[in-house]
Amino acid sequence: LVCKILLDSVFNGAFSICSSFTLWSMMDRDTVPQWKRKFEKSFWETWIMDWKTWPLYNVVCFSVIPLQFRPMTSGIASSVWNAYISHQSQQVED
């Protein structure tokens, strides 16, 4: 379980943050320098928050939350996380 949580945070966390920032920059029609500025400003703070959030959630989910409620709680947690990433990707004004 610990190995799975670490791999998820290292690889999936970084990939999802990078892809989210890139996609939102594309939808905002940002130039490459604008995307780079947003990425440099927000990536590390967002990834650190990922490390603070998801390992704790996963431990609670797999040890406390009954199996039948895991999809619902994961959906709620993911929705909140996506709102946070969206907010982080819009932090730098043009």
C-alpha atoms as a PDB file:
ATOM      1  CA  LEU A   1       0.000   0.000   0.000  1.00  0.00           C
ATOM      2  CA  VAL A   2       2.810   2.426   0.871  1.00  0.00           C
ATOM      3  CA  CYS A   3       4.580   1.688  -2.416  1.00  0.00           C
ATOM      4  CA  LYS A   4       1.353   2.232  -4.374  1.00  0.00           C
ATOM      5  CA  ILE A   5       0.706   5.551  -2.629  1.00  0.00           C
ATOM      6  CA  LEU A   6       4.270   6.754  -3.280  1.00  0.00           C
ATOM      7  CA  LEU A   7       4.183   5.768  -6.946  1.00  0.00           C
ATOM      8  CA  ASP A   8       0.785   7.406  -7.351  1.00  0.00           C
ATOM      9  CA  SER A   9       2.016  10.676  -5.820  1.00  0.00           C
ATOM     10  CA  VAL A  10       5.288  10.763  -7.748  1.00  0.00           C
ATOM     11  CA  PHE A  11       4.164   9.765 -11.220  1.00  0.00           C
ATOM     12  CA  ASN A  12       0.416  10.283 -11.419  1.00  0.00           C
ATOM     13  CA  GLY A  13       0.475  13.468  -9.357  1.00  0.00           C
ATOM     14  CA  ALA A  14       3.141  15.168 -11.464  1.00  0.00           C
ATOM     15  CA  PHE A  15       1.600  13.963 -14.734  1.00  0.00           C
ATOM     16  CA  SER A  16      -1.939  15.065 -13.853  1.00  0.00           C
ATOM     17  CA  ILE A  17      -0.777  18.493 -12.681  1.00  0.00           C
ATOM     18  CA  CYS A  18       1.348  19.031 -15.816  1.00  0.00           C
ATOM     19  CA  SER A  19      -1.393  17.882 -18.157  1.00  0.00           C
ATOM     20  CA  SER A  20      -4.037  19.956 -16.367  1.00  0.00           C
ATOM     21  CA  PHE A  21      -1.919  23.112 -16.490  1.00  0.00           C
ATOM     22  CA  THR A  22      -1.140  22.487 -20.167  1.00  0.00           C
ATOM     23  CA  LEU A  23      -4.740  21.846 -21.167  1.00  0.00           C
ATOM     24  CA  TRP A  24      -6.066  24.894 -19.313  1.00  0.00           C
ATOM     25  CA  SER A  25      -3.360  27.057 -20.878  1.00  0.00           C
ATOM     26  CA  MET A  26      -4.352  25.754 -24.299  1.00  0.00           C
ATOM     27  CA  MET A  27      -8.016  26.531 -23.618  1.00  0.00           C
ATOM     28  CA  ASP A  28      -7.011  30.019 -22.442  1.00  0.00           C
ATOM     29  CA  ARG A  29      -4.993  30.381 -25.661  1.00  0.00           C
ATOM     30  CA  ASP A  30      -1.859  31.194 -23.713  1.00  0.00           C
ATOM     31  CA  THR A  31       1.428  31.597 -25.522  1.00  0.00           C
ATOM     32  CA  VAL A  32       4.317  29.313 -24.600  1.00  0.00           C
ATOM     33  CA  PRO A  33       5.936  32.013 -22.412  1.00  0.00           C
ATOM     34  CA  GLN A  34       2.602  32.541 -20.603  1.00  0.00           C
ATOM     35  CA  TRP A  35       2.238  28.784 -20.060  1.00  0.00           C
ATOM     36  CA  LYS A  36       5.821  28.582 -18.813  1.00  0.00           C
ATOM     37  CA  ARG A  37       5.255  31.469 -16.377  1.00  0.00           C
ATOM     38  CA  LYS A  38       2.084  29.861 -15.007  1.00  0.00           C
ATOM     39  CA  PHE A  39       3.793  26.495 -14.734  1.00  0.00           C
ATOM     40  CA  GLU A  40       6.861  27.874 -12.950  1.00  0.00           C
ATOM     41  CA  LYS A  41       4.703  29.873 -10.551  1.00  0.00           C
ATOM     42  CA  SER A  42       2.239  27.153  -9.584  1.00  0.00           C
ATOM     43  CA  PHE A  43       3.637  23.665 -10.248  1.00  0.00           C
ATOM     44  CA  TRP A  44       5.747  23.131  -7.113  1.00  0.00           C
ATOM     45  CA  GLU A  45       3.155  24.575  -4.757  1.00  0.00           C
ATOM     46  CA  THR A  46       0.484  22.395  -6.349  1.00  0.00           C
ATOM     47  CA  TRP A  47       2.642  19.257  -6.263  1.00  0.00           C
ATOM     48  CA  ILE A  48       3.471  19.829  -2.596  1.00  0.00           C
ATOM     49  CA  MET A  49      -0.252  20.157  -1.883  1.00  0.00           C
ATOM     50  CA  ASP A  50      -0.741  16.906  -3.826  1.00  0.00           C
ATOM     51  CA  TRP A  51       1.717  15.227  -1.446  1.00  0.00           C
ATOM     52  CA  LYS A  52      -0.131  16.655   1.546  1.00  0.00           C
ATOM     53  CA  THR A  53      -3.566  15.630   0.278  1.00  0.00           C
ATOM     54  CA  TRP A  54      -3.618  12.342  -1.623  1.00  0.00           C
ATOM     55  CA  PRO A  55      -1.431  10.087   0.535  1.00  0.00           C
ATOM     56  CA  LEU A  56      -3.510  10.998   3.577  1.00  0.00           C
ATOM     57  CA  TYR A  57      -6.760  10.524   1.635  1.00  0.00           C
ATOM     58  CA  ASN A  58      -5.598   7.131   0.317  1.00  0.00           C
ATOM     59  CA  VAL A  59      -4.659   5.885   3.782  1.00  0.00           C
ATOM     60  CA  VAL A  60      -8.037   6.973   5.164  1.00  0.00           C
ATOM     61  CA  CYS A  61      -9.885   5.613   2.139  1.00  0.00           C
ATOM     62  CA  PHE A  62      -8.304   2.160   2.229  1.00  0.00           C
ATOM     63  CA  SER A  63      -8.342   1.768   6.005  1.00  0.00           C
ATOM     64  CA  VAL A  64     -11.502   3.525   7.259  1.00  0.00           C
ATOM     65  CA  ILE A  65     -14.032   4.091   4.486  1.00  0.00           C
ATOM     66  CA  PRO A  66     -16.226   1.057   3.733  1.00  0.00           C
ATOM     67  CA  LEU A  67     -15.838  -0.394   0.242  1.00  0.00           C
ATOM     68  CA  GLN A  68     -19.307   0.639  -0.922  1.00  0.00           C
ATOM     69  CA  PHE A  69     -18.605   4.342  -0.117  1.00  0.00           C
ATOM     70  CA  ARG A  70     -15.133   4.589  -1.714  1.00  0.00           C
ATOM     71  CA  PRO A  71     -16.336   5.538  -5.214  1.00  0.00           C
ATOM     72  CA  MET A  72     -18.505   8.332  -3.821  1.00  0.00           C
ATOM     73  CA  THR A  73     -15.821   9.721  -1.508  1.00  0.00           C
ATOM     74  CA  SER A  74     -13.201   9.440  -4.264  1.00  0.00           C
ATOM     75  CA  GLY A  75     -15.479  11.354  -6.631  1.00  0.00           C
ATOM     76  CA  ILE A  76     -15.978  14.116  -4.075  1.00  0.00           C
ATOM     77  CA  ALA A  77     -12.257  14.315  -3.284  1.00  0.00           C
ATOM     78  CA  SER A  78     -11.400  14.391  -6.999  1.00  0.00           C
ATOM     79  CA  SER A  79     -13.905  17.174  -7.656  1.00  0.00           C
ATOM     80  CA  VAL A  80     -12.430  19.302  -4.882  1.00  0.00           C
ATOM     81  CA  TRP A  81      -8.903  18.556  -6.121  1.00  0.00           C
ATOM     82  CA  ASN A  82      -9.806  19.506  -9.705  1.00  0.00           C
ATOM     83  CA  ALA A  83     -11.246  22.809  -8.480  1.00  0.00           C
ATOM     84  CA  TYR A  84      -7.984  23.459  -6.610  1.00  0.00           C
ATOM     85  CA  ILE A  85      -5.853  22.671  -9.675  1.00  0.00           C
ATOM     86  CA  SER A  86      -8.063  24.916 -11.808  1.00  0.00           C
ATOM     87  CA  HIS A  87      -7.598  27.722  -9.314  1.00  0.00           C
ATOM     88  CA  GLN A  88      -3.825  27.178  -9.241  1.00  0.00           C
ATOM     89  CA  SER A  89      -3.591  27.230 -13.037  1.00  0.00           C
ATOM     90  CA  GLN A  90      -5.255  30.653 -13.131  1.00  0.00           C
ATOM     91  CA  GLN A  91      -3.090  32.320 -10.464  1.00  0.00           C
ATOM     92  CA  VAL A  92      -0.804  34.298 -12.795  1.00  0.00           C
ATOM     93  CA  GLU A  93      -2.492  37.192 -14.535  1.00  0.00           C
ATOM     94  CA  ASP A  94      -1.387  38.150 -18.050  1.00  0.00           C
END
